[in-house]
Amino acid sequence: LLAPLREPGDLIEFQRVGYQHWGIYVGKGYVVHFTFPEGLNNMLNGEFFKAKVQKERLRNVARVSSYAVNNQLDKKHPPLPLSHVVKRAEHLVGKNIDYNLVMSNCEHFATLIRYGIAESQQVRGPVTDQNLVVLGAVQTENKKSVHFPKNLQYKSQ
């Protein structure tokens, strides 16, 4: 559902050239999202590399692109309590996550935080894991790095 108003816990879809970037609105004009470092070659080769979860002003993430609330998966996957969604998102700020265009992109991250299931419409197909731990991500011993479980499987649509 595309909507102009934002509520904490909403998914925000940013229109970029050739793709959409995703984040979670956490209130007071801020979005939590994760971004990959410069170097599209690694991303396009399907390699994993670290991306950082950041909390930034919505207008700074949008830059010159348009954006909208897009909670279109709410009918398919009931969202978690919105206060819980915001806490999950903010807990991960500053952490590093393995980024992969097909298996753990910014849309997977946003939907995992809102619904407890990582799904990307851009790459078609939900990623599920029956053994997701707290926050749907696995933290390493140093608590600074987070990655999606390696045994994520795609469900056919």
N, C-alpha and C. Protein backbone atom coordinates (compact mmCIF):
# COMPACT_ATOMS: atom_id res chain seq x y z
N LEU A 1 0.84 -1.17 0.00
CA LEU A 1 0.00 0.00 0.00
C LEU A 1 0.89 1.23 0.00
N LEU A 2 0.85 1.99 -1.03
CA LEU A 2 1.63 3.21 -1.10
C LEU A 2 0.85 4.32 -0.43
N ALA A 3 1.47 5.02 0.49
CA ALA A 3 0.79 6.08 1.22
C ALA A 3 1.76 7.21 1.51
N PRO A 4 1.27 8.45 1.52
CA PRO A 4 2.16 9.59 1.76
C PRO A 4 2.53 9.77 3.22
N LEU A 5 1.67 9.33 4.16
CA LEU A 5 1.94 9.54 5.58
C LEU A 5 2.82 8.42 6.12
N ARG A 6 3.60 8.74 7.15
CA ARG A 6 4.50 7.76 7.73
C ARG A 6 4.18 7.57 9.20
N GLU A 7 4.23 6.32 9.62
CA GLU A 7 4.09 5.97 11.03
C GLU A 7 5.31 5.13 11.41
N PRO A 8 5.80 5.26 12.64
CA PRO A 8 6.93 4.42 13.04
C PRO A 8 6.62 2.94 12.79
N GLY A 9 7.58 2.27 12.17
CA GLY A 9 7.43 0.86 11.80
C GLY A 9 7.07 0.65 10.34
N ASP A 10 6.70 1.73 9.63
CA ASP A 10 6.37 1.62 8.21
C ASP A 10 7.62 1.33 7.39
N LEU A 11 7.43 0.60 6.29
CA LEU A 11 8.50 0.40 5.31
C LEU A 11 8.47 1.57 4.35
N ILE A 12 9.64 2.12 4.07
CA ILE A 12 9.76 3.22 3.13
C ILE A 12 10.51 2.71 1.91
N GLU A 13 9.91 2.92 0.74
CA GLU A 13 10.52 2.53 -0.53
C GLU A 13 11.01 3.78 -1.24
N PHE A 14 12.30 3.81 -1.54
CA PHE A 14 12.93 4.93 -2.22
C PHE A 14 13.15 4.54 -3.68
N GLN A 15 12.70 5.35 -4.60
CA GLN A 15 12.89 5.07 -6.02
C GLN A 15 14.28 5.51 -6.44
N ARG A 16 15.08 4.57 -6.89
CA ARG A 16 16.40 4.87 -7.41
C ARG A 16 16.41 4.51 -8.90
N VAL A 17 17.45 4.85 -9.59
CA VAL A 17 17.54 4.50 -11.00
C VAL A 17 17.78 3.00 -11.12
N GLY A 18 16.80 2.27 -11.63
CA GLY A 18 16.94 0.84 -11.87
C GLY A 18 16.61 -0.08 -10.70
N TYR A 19 16.33 0.46 -9.54
CA TYR A 19 16.01 -0.38 -8.38
C TYR A 19 15.32 0.48 -7.32
N GLN A 20 14.87 -0.18 -6.25
CA GLN A 20 14.31 0.53 -5.11
C GLN A 20 15.18 0.24 -3.89
N HIS A 21 15.36 1.28 -3.09
CA HIS A 21 16.06 1.13 -1.81
C HIS A 21 15.00 1.12 -0.72
N TRP A 22 15.23 0.38 0.36
CA TRP A 22 14.24 0.21 1.41
C TRP A 22 14.80 0.55 2.78
N GLY A 23 13.92 1.06 3.64
CA GLY A 23 14.27 1.33 5.03
C GLY A 23 13.03 1.24 5.90
N ILE A 24 13.23 1.39 7.19
CA ILE A 24 12.15 1.35 8.16
C ILE A 24 12.06 2.73 8.81
N TYR A 25 10.88 3.32 8.73
CA TYR A 25 10.67 4.61 9.38
C TYR A 25 10.57 4.38 10.88
N VAL A 26 11.39 5.12 11.66
CA VAL A 26 11.40 4.92 13.11
C VAL A 26 10.88 6.15 13.86
N GLY A 27 10.38 7.13 13.14
CA GLY A 27 9.79 8.31 13.77
C GLY A 27 10.70 9.52 13.76
N LYS A 28 10.08 10.68 13.99
CA LYS A 28 10.78 11.97 14.08
C LYS A 28 11.65 12.26 12.87
N GLY A 29 11.21 11.79 11.70
CA GLY A 29 11.93 12.09 10.46
C GLY A 29 13.12 11.18 10.18
N TYR A 30 13.25 10.07 10.90
CA TYR A 30 14.40 9.18 10.73
C TYR A 30 14.01 7.83 10.14
N VAL A 31 14.97 7.26 9.43
CA VAL A 31 14.83 5.95 8.80
C VAL A 31 16.04 5.11 9.20
N VAL A 32 15.81 3.82 9.45
CA VAL A 32 16.91 2.87 9.64
C VAL A 32 16.98 2.03 8.38
N HIS A 33 18.17 1.93 7.81
CA HIS A 33 18.37 1.17 6.57
C HIS A 33 19.79 0.67 6.57
N PHE A 34 20.09 -0.20 5.61
CA PHE A 34 21.49 -0.55 5.49
C PHE A 34 21.95 -0.38 4.07
N THR A 35 23.17 0.11 3.98
CA THR A 35 23.72 0.50 2.69
C THR A 35 25.03 -0.23 2.46
N PHE A 36 25.29 -0.45 1.19
CA PHE A 36 26.53 -1.13 0.83
C PHE A 36 27.58 -0.09 0.51
N PRO A 37 28.85 -0.46 0.67
CA PRO A 37 29.92 0.47 0.35
C PRO A 37 30.02 0.67 -1.15
N GLU A 38 30.79 1.65 -1.53
CA GLU A 38 31.02 1.87 -2.96
C GLU A 38 31.60 0.60 -3.56
N GLY A 39 31.27 0.34 -4.78
CA GLY A 39 31.80 -0.86 -5.43
C GLY A 39 30.69 -1.75 -5.92
N LEU A 40 29.97 -1.29 -6.91
CA LEU A 40 28.87 -2.07 -7.46
C LEU A 40 29.34 -3.36 -8.10
N ASN A 41 30.61 -3.47 -8.47
CA ASN A 41 31.09 -4.69 -9.11
C ASN A 41 30.88 -5.90 -8.21
N ASN A 42 31.21 -5.77 -6.92
CA ASN A 42 31.00 -6.89 -5.99
C ASN A 42 29.53 -7.25 -5.90
N MET A 43 28.67 -6.23 -5.83
CA MET A 43 27.25 -6.48 -5.72
C MET A 43 26.73 -7.21 -6.96
N LEU A 44 27.15 -6.76 -8.11
CA LEU A 44 26.66 -7.35 -9.35
C LEU A 44 27.22 -8.75 -9.57
N ASN A 45 28.36 -9.05 -8.98
CA ASN A 45 28.93 -10.39 -9.09
C ASN A 45 28.29 -11.37 -8.13
N GLY A 46 27.36 -10.91 -7.30
CA GLY A 46 26.68 -11.79 -6.36
C GLY A 46 27.50 -12.13 -5.14
N GLU A 47 28.55 -11.38 -4.88
CA GLU A 47 29.39 -11.64 -3.73
C GLU A 47 28.78 -11.04 -2.47
N PHE A 48 29.17 -11.57 -1.31
CA PHE A 48 28.78 -10.99 -0.05
C PHE A 48 29.82 -9.96 0.35
N PHE A 49 29.40 -8.87 0.91
CA PHE A 49 30.30 -7.92 1.52
C PHE A 49 29.52 -7.20 2.61
N LYS A 50 30.22 -6.49 3.47
CA LYS A 50 29.60 -5.88 4.63
C LYS A 50 28.89 -4.58 4.26
N ALA A 51 27.71 -4.43 4.81
CA ALA A 51 26.96 -3.19 4.71
C ALA A 51 26.64 -2.76 6.14
N LYS A 52 26.53 -1.48 6.35
CA LYS A 52 26.32 -0.97 7.70
C LYS A 52 24.88 -0.51 7.87
N VAL A 53 24.29 -0.88 9.00
CA VAL A 53 22.95 -0.41 9.35
C VAL A 53 23.10 1.01 9.88
N GLN A 54 22.33 1.92 9.30
CA GLN A 54 22.44 3.32 9.67
C GLN A 54 21.08 3.91 9.99
N LYS A 55 21.09 4.88 10.88
CA LYS A 55 19.90 5.68 11.18
C LYS A 55 20.18 7.07 10.65
N GLU A 56 19.38 7.48 9.68
CA GLU A 56 19.60 8.77 9.03
C GLU A 56 18.28 9.49 8.83
N ARG A 57 18.38 10.78 8.62
CA ARG A 57 17.19 11.56 8.29
C ARG A 57 16.60 11.05 6.99
N LEU A 58 15.30 10.93 6.95
CA LEU A 58 14.59 10.46 5.76
C LEU A 58 14.99 11.27 4.54
N ARG A 59 15.03 12.57 4.67
CA ARG A 59 15.36 13.43 3.51
C ARG A 59 16.79 13.18 3.01
N ASN A 60 17.71 12.81 3.91
CA ASN A 60 19.08 12.52 3.49
C ASN A 60 19.17 11.20 2.75
N VAL A 61 18.38 10.22 3.16
CA VAL A 61 18.36 8.93 2.45
C VAL A 61 17.71 9.11 1.09
N ALA A 62 16.64 9.89 1.05
CA ALA A 62 15.93 10.10 -0.21
C ALA A 62 16.78 10.88 -1.21
N ARG A 63 17.55 11.82 -0.72
CA ARG A 63 18.30 12.73 -1.60
C ARG A 63 17.33 13.34 -2.60
N VAL A 64 17.51 13.07 -3.88
CA VAL A 64 16.63 13.66 -4.90
C VAL A 64 15.57 12.67 -5.38
N SER A 65 15.57 11.47 -4.85
CA SER A 65 14.60 10.47 -5.31
C SER A 65 13.27 10.60 -4.57
N SER A 66 12.24 10.08 -5.20
CA SER A 66 10.93 10.06 -4.54
C SER A 66 10.87 8.85 -3.61
N TYR A 67 9.94 8.89 -2.68
CA TYR A 67 9.77 7.78 -1.74
C TYR A 67 8.32 7.73 -1.30
N ALA A 68 7.93 6.58 -0.76
CA ALA A 68 6.57 6.40 -0.26
C ALA A 68 6.55 5.27 0.75
N VAL A 69 5.55 5.30 1.62
CA VAL A 69 5.30 4.16 2.50
C VAL A 69 4.84 3.01 1.61
N ASN A 70 5.43 1.83 1.82
CA ASN A 70 5.01 0.66 1.05
C ASN A 70 4.96 -0.56 1.97
N ASN A 71 3.80 -0.75 2.56
CA ASN A 71 3.56 -1.90 3.43
C ASN A 71 2.73 -2.94 2.69
N GLN A 72 3.01 -3.11 1.41
CA GLN A 72 2.16 -3.97 0.57
C GLN A 72 2.13 -5.42 1.01
N LEU A 73 3.09 -5.87 1.78
CA LEU A 73 3.09 -7.26 2.23
C LEU A 73 2.26 -7.49 3.50
N ASP A 74 1.63 -6.45 4.03
CA ASP A 74 0.85 -6.59 5.27
C ASP A 74 -0.26 -7.62 5.15
N LYS A 75 -0.86 -7.73 3.98
CA LYS A 75 -1.94 -8.72 3.80
C LYS A 75 -1.40 -10.14 3.74
N LYS A 76 -0.19 -10.28 3.26
CA LYS A 76 0.44 -11.60 3.13
C LYS A 76 1.12 -12.02 4.44
N HIS A 77 1.76 -11.07 5.09
CA HIS A 77 2.49 -11.33 6.34
C HIS A 77 2.07 -10.28 7.36
N PRO A 78 1.32 -10.64 8.37
CA PRO A 78 0.94 -9.65 9.37
C PRO A 78 2.18 -9.04 10.01
N PRO A 79 2.22 -7.71 10.11
CA PRO A 79 3.40 -7.09 10.72
C PRO A 79 3.49 -7.39 12.21
N LEU A 80 4.72 -7.38 12.70
CA LEU A 80 4.95 -7.49 14.13
C LEU A 80 4.44 -6.21 14.78
N PRO A 81 4.25 -6.20 16.10
CA PRO A 81 3.84 -4.95 16.75
C PRO A 81 4.81 -3.83 16.38
N LEU A 82 4.25 -2.68 15.99
CA LEU A 82 5.09 -1.62 15.42
C LEU A 82 6.13 -1.09 16.41
N SER A 83 5.82 -1.06 17.69
CA SER A 83 6.84 -0.63 18.66
C SER A 83 8.00 -1.62 18.68
N HIS A 84 7.70 -2.88 18.47
CA HIS A 84 8.73 -3.92 18.42
C HIS A 84 9.57 -3.76 17.14
N VAL A 85 8.92 -3.42 16.04
CA VAL A 85 9.62 -3.20 14.77
C VAL A 85 10.65 -2.09 14.94
N VAL A 86 10.24 -0.99 15.55
CA VAL A 86 11.15 0.14 15.75
C VAL A 86 12.32 -0.26 16.64
N LYS A 87 12.05 -0.98 17.73
CA LYS A 87 13.12 -1.42 18.63
C LYS A 87 14.09 -2.35 17.91
N ARG A 88 13.56 -3.27 17.11
CA ARG A 88 14.41 -4.20 16.35
C ARG A 88 15.33 -3.42 15.41
N ALA A 89 14.76 -2.44 14.71
CA ALA A 89 15.54 -1.65 13.76
C ALA A 89 16.63 -0.86 14.48
N GLU A 90 16.25 -0.16 15.54
CA GLU A 90 17.21 0.69 16.23
C GLU A 90 18.30 -0.12 16.93
N HIS A 91 17.98 -1.33 17.36
CA HIS A 91 18.98 -2.19 17.99
C HIS A 91 20.12 -2.54 17.03
N LEU A 92 19.83 -2.58 15.75
CA LEU A 92 20.84 -2.97 14.77
C LEU A 92 21.67 -1.81 14.24
N VAL A 93 21.33 -0.57 14.59
CA VAL A 93 22.07 0.59 14.10
C VAL A 93 23.54 0.46 14.50
N GLY A 94 24.41 0.68 13.52
CA GLY A 94 25.85 0.60 13.75
C GLY A 94 26.45 -0.76 13.50
N LYS A 95 25.61 -1.76 13.33
CA LYS A 95 26.09 -3.12 13.10
C LYS A 95 26.37 -3.33 11.60
N ASN A 96 27.23 -4.29 11.31
CA ASN A 96 27.53 -4.66 9.93
C ASN A 96 26.77 -5.93 9.57
N ILE A 97 26.25 -5.97 8.37
CA ILE A 97 25.48 -7.11 7.88
C ILE A 97 26.07 -7.54 6.55
N ASP A 98 26.10 -8.85 6.32
CA ASP A 98 26.51 -9.36 5.02
C ASP A 98 25.46 -8.93 4.00
N TYR A 99 25.91 -8.24 2.95
CA TYR A 99 25.02 -7.79 1.89
C TYR A 99 25.22 -8.68 0.67
N ASN A 100 24.11 -9.08 0.08
CA ASN A 100 24.14 -9.82 -1.17
C ASN A 100 22.88 -9.42 -1.92
N LEU A 101 23.03 -9.05 -3.17
CA LEU A 101 21.91 -8.54 -3.96
C LEU A 101 20.73 -9.50 -3.97
N VAL A 102 20.98 -10.80 -4.04
CA VAL A 102 19.91 -11.78 -4.18
C VAL A 102 19.44 -12.33 -2.83
N MET A 103 20.35 -12.48 -1.88
CA MET A 103 20.01 -13.19 -0.64
C MET A 103 19.83 -12.31 0.59
N SER A 104 20.44 -11.16 0.65
CA SER A 104 20.27 -10.28 1.82
C SER A 104 20.50 -8.83 1.43
N ASN A 105 19.50 -8.28 0.74
CA ASN A 105 19.58 -6.89 0.32
C ASN A 105 18.79 -6.00 1.28
N CYS A 106 18.71 -4.71 0.97
CA CYS A 106 18.04 -3.77 1.87
C CYS A 106 16.55 -4.07 2.01
N GLU A 107 15.92 -4.61 0.99
CA GLU A 107 14.50 -4.98 1.08
C GLU A 107 14.32 -6.20 1.98
N HIS A 108 15.21 -7.19 1.86
CA HIS A 108 15.17 -8.33 2.78
C HIS A 108 15.28 -7.84 4.22
N PHE A 109 16.22 -6.94 4.46
CA PHE A 109 16.44 -6.40 5.80
C PHE A 109 15.17 -5.74 6.33
N ALA A 110 14.59 -4.85 5.54
CA ALA A 110 13.42 -4.10 5.99
C ALA A 110 12.23 -5.02 6.27
N THR A 111 11.99 -5.97 5.37
CA THR A 111 10.84 -6.87 5.58
C THR A 111 11.09 -7.83 6.74
N LEU A 112 12.34 -8.23 6.94
CA LEU A 112 12.66 -9.09 8.07
C LEU A 112 12.36 -8.37 9.39
N ILE A 113 12.70 -7.11 9.46
CA ILE A 113 12.45 -6.34 10.68
C ILE A 113 10.95 -6.15 10.90
N ARG A 114 10.19 -5.85 9.85
CA ARG A 114 8.75 -5.58 10.00
C ARG A 114 7.92 -6.85 10.19
N TYR A 115 8.24 -7.89 9.43
CA TYR A 115 7.38 -9.08 9.40
C TYR A 115 7.99 -10.32 10.06
N GLY A 116 9.29 -10.31 10.28
CA GLY A 116 9.95 -11.51 10.78
C GLY A 116 10.27 -12.48 9.67
N ILE A 117 10.10 -12.05 8.43
CA ILE A 117 10.44 -12.87 7.26
C ILE A 117 11.09 -11.93 6.24
N ALA A 118 12.19 -12.38 5.68
CA ALA A 118 12.92 -11.57 4.70
C ALA A 118 12.39 -11.90 3.31
N GLU A 119 11.84 -10.89 2.66
CA GLU A 119 11.30 -11.09 1.32
C GLU A 119 11.64 -9.89 0.45
N SER A 120 12.05 -10.17 -0.77
CA SER A 120 12.36 -9.10 -1.71
C SER A 120 11.55 -9.31 -2.98
N GLN A 121 10.65 -8.39 -3.25
CA GLN A 121 9.87 -8.43 -4.49
C GLN A 121 10.78 -8.15 -5.69
N GLN A 122 11.87 -7.43 -5.46
CA GLN A 122 12.79 -7.12 -6.55
C GLN A 122 13.49 -8.35 -7.07
N VAL A 123 13.76 -9.31 -6.19
CA VAL A 123 14.43 -10.54 -6.63
C VAL A 123 13.48 -11.72 -6.61
N ARG A 124 12.22 -11.47 -6.34
CA ARG A 124 11.13 -12.45 -6.39
C ARG A 124 11.36 -13.66 -5.51
N GLY A 125 10.63 -13.69 -4.45
CA GLY A 125 10.62 -14.87 -3.60
C GLY A 125 11.02 -14.56 -2.18
N PRO A 126 10.27 -15.09 -1.21
CA PRO A 126 10.63 -14.86 0.19
C PRO A 126 11.77 -15.75 0.64
N VAL A 127 12.52 -15.26 1.57
CA VAL A 127 13.57 -16.03 2.23
C VAL A 127 13.03 -16.34 3.61
N THR A 128 13.02 -17.61 3.99
CA THR A 128 12.51 -17.97 5.31
C THR A 128 13.52 -18.82 6.04
N ASP A 129 13.42 -18.82 7.35
CA ASP A 129 14.29 -19.65 8.17
C ASP A 129 13.52 -19.98 9.44
N GLN A 130 13.26 -21.24 9.68
CA GLN A 130 12.52 -21.65 10.86
C GLN A 130 13.32 -21.44 12.14
N ASN A 131 14.62 -21.24 11.99
CA ASN A 131 15.47 -21.10 13.17
C ASN A 131 15.97 -19.68 13.37
N LEU A 132 15.20 -18.68 12.95
CA LEU A 132 15.63 -17.30 13.14
C LEU A 132 15.78 -17.03 14.64
N VAL A 133 16.85 -16.34 14.97
CA VAL A 133 17.06 -15.98 16.36
C VAL A 133 16.53 -14.57 16.59
N VAL A 134 16.71 -14.06 17.78
CA VAL A 134 16.20 -12.75 18.12
C VAL A 134 16.60 -11.73 17.05
N LEU A 135 15.65 -10.95 16.62
CA LEU A 135 15.79 -9.93 15.59
C LEU A 135 15.98 -10.51 14.21
N GLY A 136 15.88 -11.79 14.05
CA GLY A 136 15.98 -12.38 12.73
C GLY A 136 17.37 -12.33 12.14
N ALA A 137 18.35 -12.05 12.93
CA ALA A 137 19.72 -12.00 12.44
C ALA A 137 20.60 -12.69 13.47
N VAL A 138 21.74 -13.13 13.03
CA VAL A 138 22.67 -13.83 13.91
C VAL A 138 23.80 -12.88 14.25
N GLN A 139 24.05 -12.68 15.53
CA GLN A 139 25.15 -11.82 15.93
C GLN A 139 26.39 -12.66 16.20
N THR A 140 27.52 -12.13 15.79
CA THR A 140 28.77 -12.82 16.07
C THR A 140 29.20 -12.50 17.50
N GLU A 141 30.26 -13.14 17.96
CA GLU A 141 30.71 -12.98 19.33
C GLU A 141 31.04 -11.52 19.67
N ASN A 142 31.58 -10.77 18.73
CA ASN A 142 31.97 -9.40 19.05
C ASN A 142 30.79 -8.43 19.03
N LYS A 143 29.60 -8.89 18.67
CA LYS A 143 28.37 -8.10 18.67
C LYS A 143 28.42 -6.92 17.72
N LYS A 144 29.43 -6.79 16.91
CA LYS A 144 29.52 -5.69 15.97
C LYS A 144 29.11 -6.11 14.57
N SER A 145 29.05 -7.38 14.31
CA SER A 145 28.74 -7.87 12.97
C SER A 145 27.48 -8.72 13.02
N VAL A 146 26.60 -8.50 12.09
CA VAL A 146 25.35 -9.24 12.02
C VAL A 146 25.22 -9.78 10.61
N HIS A 147 24.71 -10.99 10.47
CA HIS A 147 24.46 -11.51 9.12
C HIS A 147 23.20 -12.35 9.15
N PHE A 148 22.57 -12.47 8.01
CA PHE A 148 21.42 -13.35 7.91
C PHE A 148 21.95 -14.78 7.98
N PRO A 149 21.18 -15.70 8.57
CA PRO A 149 21.64 -17.08 8.65
C PRO A 149 21.99 -17.64 7.28
N LYS A 150 23.04 -18.46 7.24
CA LYS A 150 23.50 -19.00 5.96
C LYS A 150 22.53 -20.01 5.37
N ASN A 151 21.65 -20.59 6.19
CA ASN A 151 20.75 -21.61 5.68
C ASN A 151 19.39 -21.06 5.22
N LEU A 152 19.36 -19.77 4.89
CA LEU A 152 18.11 -19.21 4.37
C LEU A 152 17.75 -19.90 3.07
N GLN A 153 16.50 -20.21 2.90
CA GLN A 153 16.03 -20.88 1.69
C GLN A 153 14.96 -20.03 1.03
N TYR A 154 14.90 -20.10 -0.27
CA TYR A 154 13.85 -19.40 -1.01
C TYR A 154 12.65 -20.31 -1.16
N LYS A 155 11.48 -19.76 -0.96
CA LYS A 155 10.24 -20.47 -1.23
C LYS A 155 9.80 -20.09 -2.63
N SER A 156 9.28 -21.03 -3.35
CA SER A 156 8.76 -20.69 -4.67
C SER A 156 7.43 -19.98 -4.50
N GLN A 157 7.13 -19.09 -5.42
CA GLN A 157 5.89 -18.31 -5.34
C GLN A 157 4.74 -19.08 -5.91
